[in-house]
Every structure is written in structure tokens, then in C-alpha cells.
N, C-alpha and C. Protein backbone atom coordinates (compact mmCIF):
# COMPACT_ATOMS: atom_id res chain seq x y z
N MET A 1 -0.09 47.22 15.90
CA MET A 1 -1.45 46.92 15.56
C MET A 1 -1.53 45.86 14.46
N TRP A 2 -0.64 45.97 13.45
CA TRP A 2 -0.64 44.99 12.37
C TRP A 2 -0.31 43.59 12.88
N SER A 3 0.55 43.51 13.84
CA SER A 3 0.91 42.18 14.36
C SER A 3 -0.30 41.50 15.01
N VAL A 4 -1.14 42.27 15.67
CA VAL A 4 -2.35 41.72 16.28
C VAL A 4 -3.32 41.25 15.19
N VAL A 5 -3.46 42.03 14.12
CA VAL A 5 -4.36 41.66 13.03
C VAL A 5 -3.87 40.38 12.36
N TRP A 6 -2.56 40.31 12.05
CA TRP A 6 -2.01 39.11 11.40
C TRP A 6 -2.12 37.88 12.31
N ALA A 7 -1.93 38.06 13.60
CA ALA A 7 -2.07 36.94 14.52
C ALA A 7 -3.51 36.43 14.54
N ALA A 8 -4.47 37.36 14.49
CA ALA A 8 -5.89 36.97 14.47
C ALA A 8 -6.22 36.26 13.17
N VAL A 9 -5.70 36.77 12.05
CA VAL A 9 -5.96 36.14 10.75
C VAL A 9 -5.36 34.75 10.72
N ARG A 10 -4.14 34.61 11.23
CA ARG A 10 -3.48 33.29 11.25
C ARG A 10 -4.24 32.30 12.12
N SER A 11 -4.74 32.74 13.25
CA SER A 11 -5.42 31.81 14.16
C SER A 11 -6.82 31.44 13.66
N LYS A 12 -7.47 32.31 12.91
CA LYS A 12 -8.83 32.04 12.42
C LYS A 12 -8.85 31.54 10.98
N ALA A 13 -7.70 31.34 10.36
CA ALA A 13 -7.63 30.93 8.95
C ALA A 13 -8.36 29.62 8.67
N PRO A 14 -8.20 28.57 9.49
CA PRO A 14 -8.92 27.32 9.20
C PRO A 14 -10.45 27.49 9.23
N TYR A 15 -10.94 28.37 10.08
CA TYR A 15 -12.38 28.57 10.19
C TYR A 15 -12.94 29.32 8.99
N VAL A 16 -12.09 30.07 8.29
CA VAL A 16 -12.52 30.79 7.11
C VAL A 16 -12.25 29.97 5.86
N THR A 17 -11.12 29.26 5.82
CA THR A 17 -10.72 28.53 4.63
C THR A 17 -11.63 27.34 4.35
N PHE A 18 -12.01 26.59 5.37
CA PHE A 18 -12.83 25.41 5.14
C PHE A 18 -14.18 25.72 4.50
N PRO A 19 -14.95 26.68 5.03
CA PRO A 19 -16.23 26.96 4.37
C PRO A 19 -16.06 27.48 2.94
N VAL A 20 -15.04 28.28 2.71
CA VAL A 20 -14.81 28.79 1.35
C VAL A 20 -14.47 27.64 0.42
N ALA A 21 -13.59 26.75 0.83
CA ALA A 21 -13.22 25.60 0.00
C ALA A 21 -14.43 24.68 -0.22
N PHE A 22 -15.25 24.52 0.79
CA PHE A 22 -16.44 23.68 0.67
C PHE A 22 -17.41 24.25 -0.37
N VAL A 23 -17.65 25.54 -0.30
CA VAL A 23 -18.57 26.18 -1.25
C VAL A 23 -18.02 26.12 -2.67
N VAL A 24 -16.72 26.38 -2.84
CA VAL A 24 -16.11 26.32 -4.17
C VAL A 24 -16.21 24.90 -4.72
N GLY A 25 -15.95 23.89 -3.92
CA GLY A 25 -16.05 22.50 -4.36
C GLY A 25 -17.47 22.12 -4.71
N LEU A 26 -18.42 22.55 -3.92
CA LEU A 26 -19.82 22.23 -4.16
C LEU A 26 -20.31 22.87 -5.46
N VAL A 27 -19.97 24.13 -5.65
CA VAL A 27 -20.37 24.82 -6.88
C VAL A 27 -19.70 24.17 -8.09
N GLY A 28 -18.42 23.83 -8.00
CA GLY A 28 -17.71 23.18 -9.10
C GLY A 28 -18.29 21.82 -9.42
N TYR A 29 -18.64 21.06 -8.41
CA TYR A 29 -19.22 19.73 -8.63
C TYR A 29 -20.53 19.84 -9.39
N HIS A 30 -21.41 20.72 -8.93
CA HIS A 30 -22.71 20.86 -9.58
C HIS A 30 -22.59 21.48 -10.96
N LEU A 31 -21.67 22.39 -11.15
CA LEU A 31 -21.45 22.98 -12.47
C LEU A 31 -20.97 21.92 -13.46
N GLU A 32 -20.03 21.07 -13.03
CA GLU A 32 -19.54 20.00 -13.90
C GLU A 32 -20.66 19.02 -14.21
N TRP A 33 -21.46 18.67 -13.23
CA TRP A 33 -22.57 17.75 -13.45
C TRP A 33 -23.56 18.34 -14.44
N PHE A 34 -23.83 19.65 -14.32
CA PHE A 34 -24.77 20.32 -15.22
C PHE A 34 -24.23 20.36 -16.65
N LEU A 35 -22.94 20.62 -16.81
CA LEU A 35 -22.35 20.72 -18.14
C LEU A 35 -22.23 19.36 -18.82
N ARG A 36 -21.85 18.34 -18.08
CA ARG A 36 -21.66 17.02 -18.68
C ARG A 36 -22.96 16.24 -18.81
N GLY A 37 -23.86 16.41 -17.89
CA GLY A 37 -25.11 15.66 -17.92
C GLY A 37 -24.90 14.26 -17.36
N ASP A 38 -25.96 13.47 -17.37
CA ASP A 38 -25.87 12.10 -16.88
C ASP A 38 -25.30 11.20 -17.97
N PRO A 39 -24.19 10.54 -17.72
CA PRO A 39 -23.66 9.61 -18.73
C PRO A 39 -24.49 8.34 -18.76
N GLN A 40 -24.66 7.80 -19.95
CA GLN A 40 -25.38 6.54 -20.10
C GLN A 40 -24.41 5.39 -19.83
N PRO A 41 -24.66 4.59 -18.81
CA PRO A 41 -23.74 3.49 -18.52
C PRO A 41 -23.81 2.42 -19.61
N SER A 42 -22.65 1.97 -20.02
CA SER A 42 -22.61 0.91 -21.03
C SER A 42 -22.76 -0.44 -20.34
N ALA A 43 -22.85 -1.49 -21.12
CA ALA A 43 -23.04 -2.83 -20.57
C ALA A 43 -21.81 -3.26 -19.78
N GLU A 44 -20.60 -2.83 -20.22
CA GLU A 44 -19.38 -3.23 -19.51
C GLU A 44 -19.27 -2.53 -18.16
N GLU A 45 -19.75 -1.29 -18.06
CA GLU A 45 -19.65 -0.57 -16.80
C GLU A 45 -20.62 -1.10 -15.76
N GLU A 46 -21.70 -1.73 -16.20
CA GLU A 46 -22.67 -2.24 -15.25
C GLU A 46 -22.17 -3.50 -14.55
N LYS A 47 -21.27 -4.23 -15.19
CA LYS A 47 -20.76 -5.47 -14.59
C LYS A 47 -19.67 -5.13 -13.57
N SER A 48 -19.63 -5.92 -12.51
CA SER A 48 -18.57 -5.75 -11.54
C SER A 48 -17.28 -6.36 -12.08
N ILE A 49 -16.20 -6.08 -11.41
CA ILE A 49 -14.90 -6.58 -11.85
C ILE A 49 -14.86 -8.11 -11.78
N SER A 50 -15.45 -8.67 -10.74
CA SER A 50 -15.44 -10.14 -10.63
C SER A 50 -16.27 -10.77 -11.75
N GLU A 51 -17.37 -10.13 -12.14
CA GLU A 51 -18.15 -10.66 -13.25
C GLU A 51 -17.39 -10.56 -14.57
N GLN A 52 -16.69 -9.46 -14.78
CA GLN A 52 -15.88 -9.31 -15.99
C GLN A 52 -14.78 -10.37 -16.04
N ARG A 53 -14.16 -10.66 -14.89
CA ARG A 53 -13.11 -11.66 -14.82
C ARG A 53 -13.67 -13.05 -15.14
N GLU A 54 -14.84 -13.36 -14.59
CA GLU A 54 -15.45 -14.66 -14.86
C GLU A 54 -15.81 -14.81 -16.34
N ASP A 55 -16.33 -13.74 -16.94
CA ASP A 55 -16.65 -13.78 -18.37
C ASP A 55 -15.39 -14.00 -19.21
N ARG A 56 -14.30 -13.33 -18.85
CA ARG A 56 -13.05 -13.49 -19.60
C ARG A 56 -12.53 -14.91 -19.48
N LYS A 57 -12.58 -15.49 -18.27
CA LYS A 57 -12.12 -16.86 -18.09
C LYS A 57 -12.98 -17.85 -18.87
N LEU A 58 -14.28 -17.63 -18.90
CA LEU A 58 -15.16 -18.51 -19.67
C LEU A 58 -14.86 -18.42 -21.16
N GLN A 59 -14.56 -17.24 -21.66
CA GLN A 59 -14.22 -17.10 -23.07
C GLN A 59 -12.89 -17.77 -23.38
N GLU A 60 -11.95 -17.74 -22.44
CA GLU A 60 -10.64 -18.38 -22.67
C GLU A 60 -10.76 -19.89 -22.75
N ILE A 61 -11.63 -20.49 -21.94
CA ILE A 61 -11.73 -21.95 -21.92
C ILE A 61 -12.85 -22.47 -22.82
N ALA A 62 -13.51 -21.59 -23.56
CA ALA A 62 -14.65 -22.02 -24.37
C ALA A 62 -14.24 -23.01 -25.45
N GLY A 63 -13.09 -22.83 -26.10
CA GLY A 63 -12.69 -23.70 -27.20
C GLY A 63 -11.82 -24.86 -26.78
N LYS A 64 -11.48 -24.97 -25.52
CA LYS A 64 -10.58 -26.02 -25.07
C LYS A 64 -11.35 -27.27 -24.65
N ASP A 65 -10.71 -28.42 -24.83
CA ASP A 65 -11.27 -29.68 -24.34
C ASP A 65 -10.70 -29.92 -22.95
N LEU A 66 -11.53 -29.78 -21.94
CA LEU A 66 -11.06 -29.85 -20.57
C LEU A 66 -10.90 -31.28 -20.07
N THR A 67 -11.25 -32.26 -20.89
CA THR A 67 -11.08 -33.65 -20.47
C THR A 67 -9.68 -34.16 -20.74
N LYS A 68 -8.94 -33.49 -21.60
CA LYS A 68 -7.58 -33.91 -21.91
C LYS A 68 -6.61 -33.22 -20.95
N VAL A 69 -6.18 -33.98 -19.97
CA VAL A 69 -5.27 -33.46 -18.96
C VAL A 69 -4.07 -34.38 -18.88
N VAL A 70 -2.90 -33.81 -18.71
CA VAL A 70 -1.68 -34.60 -18.60
C VAL A 70 -1.69 -35.29 -17.23
N SER A 71 -1.47 -36.60 -17.22
CA SER A 71 -1.49 -37.31 -15.95
C SER A 71 -0.21 -37.02 -15.17
N LEU A 72 -0.29 -37.24 -13.89
CA LEU A 72 0.87 -36.98 -13.04
C LEU A 72 2.01 -37.95 -13.32
N LYS A 73 1.69 -39.12 -13.82
CA LYS A 73 2.74 -40.09 -14.14
C LYS A 73 3.57 -39.61 -15.31
N ASP A 74 2.95 -38.92 -16.23
CA ASP A 74 3.66 -38.45 -17.41
C ASP A 74 4.49 -37.19 -17.16
N LYS A 75 4.18 -36.49 -16.10
CA LYS A 75 4.93 -35.27 -15.80
C LYS A 75 6.31 -35.64 -15.28
N LEU A 76 7.30 -34.89 -15.62
CA LEU A 76 8.65 -35.17 -15.17
C LEU A 76 8.90 -34.67 -13.76
N GLU A 77 8.34 -33.53 -13.44
CA GLU A 77 8.56 -32.96 -12.12
C GLU A 77 7.23 -32.67 -11.46
N PHE A 78 7.13 -33.03 -10.19
CA PHE A 78 5.89 -32.80 -9.46
C PHE A 78 5.90 -31.47 -8.73
N ALA A 79 7.06 -30.97 -8.44
CA ALA A 79 7.19 -29.73 -7.68
C ALA A 79 7.92 -28.70 -8.53
N PRO A 80 7.78 -27.43 -8.20
CA PRO A 80 8.51 -26.41 -8.95
C PRO A 80 10.02 -26.58 -8.78
N ARG A 81 10.71 -26.13 -9.78
CA ARG A 81 12.17 -26.27 -9.73
C ARG A 81 12.74 -25.41 -8.61
N ALA A 82 13.67 -25.96 -7.87
CA ALA A 82 14.32 -25.20 -6.81
C ALA A 82 15.33 -24.25 -7.42
N VAL A 83 15.70 -23.26 -6.66
CA VAL A 83 16.66 -22.28 -7.16
C VAL A 83 17.98 -22.97 -7.43
N LEU A 84 18.45 -22.85 -8.64
CA LEU A 84 19.70 -23.43 -9.10
C LEU A 84 19.77 -24.95 -8.90
N ASN A 85 18.64 -25.58 -8.72
CA ASN A 85 18.56 -27.04 -8.53
C ASN A 85 19.46 -27.54 -7.40
N ARG A 86 19.64 -26.76 -6.41
CA ARG A 86 20.49 -27.18 -5.29
C ARG A 86 19.87 -28.28 -4.46
N ASN A 87 18.55 -28.22 -4.29
CA ASN A 87 17.89 -29.17 -3.42
C ASN A 87 17.33 -30.38 -4.15
N ARG A 88 17.69 -30.53 -5.43
CA ARG A 88 17.19 -31.62 -6.22
C ARG A 88 18.28 -32.63 -6.49
N PRO A 89 17.99 -33.91 -6.35
CA PRO A 89 18.99 -34.91 -6.76
C PRO A 89 19.07 -34.94 -8.28
N GLU A 90 20.18 -35.39 -8.77
CA GLU A 90 20.37 -35.52 -10.21
C GLU A 90 19.46 -36.60 -10.76
N LYS A 91 18.84 -36.32 -11.89
CA LYS A 91 17.96 -37.31 -12.51
C LYS A 91 18.80 -38.29 -13.30
N SER A 92 18.42 -39.55 -13.22
CA SER A 92 19.19 -40.56 -13.97
C SER A 92 18.43 -41.08 -15.14
């Protein structure tokens, strides 16, 4: 008789476990919301990540003079250095 009961419990476990877990999660969510209350969003939380990135880039270049750029003629290398300089001819 016990084997029949355990087989029934095993086969119906998902149908019992899901509603119980759902109710426990729902009660916990609302209890936490009630205890913590509504947080006041700060100015930084209201901005999206892309807006924060743009603001940071603007602050970085705020003090720089963007008209002074090294010309390509003055640069020694136009391309990134190859691994171990194998593919580069020797400079004279």
C-alpha cells in the first residue's frame, strides 16, 4: 500500500510543488516591497547606460583641445605593430 502512495506522491509532486512555490514567492515579494517601500530613484539611476557613457566621454574631452592632432606624416607607423615584427621590413 505504501508503494502505491509514494508512487502517487512522486507522480503528482510537480502539480503540488509549483503552486506552493508560486504562493511563497508572491507573498515574499509583496512582503519585501511592503517592508522596504518605494525607493526614490536618484538622478544617476534615471539615466540609461548609453547616456552615462556619453556624459563620461564629454567630461573626458571637456578640457582637451581637439584641433591639435598629430598628422599622419609625423607618425612613424601607420599600422599596428605585427607580432614580433616578423612581417615588417627593417626601418632605415
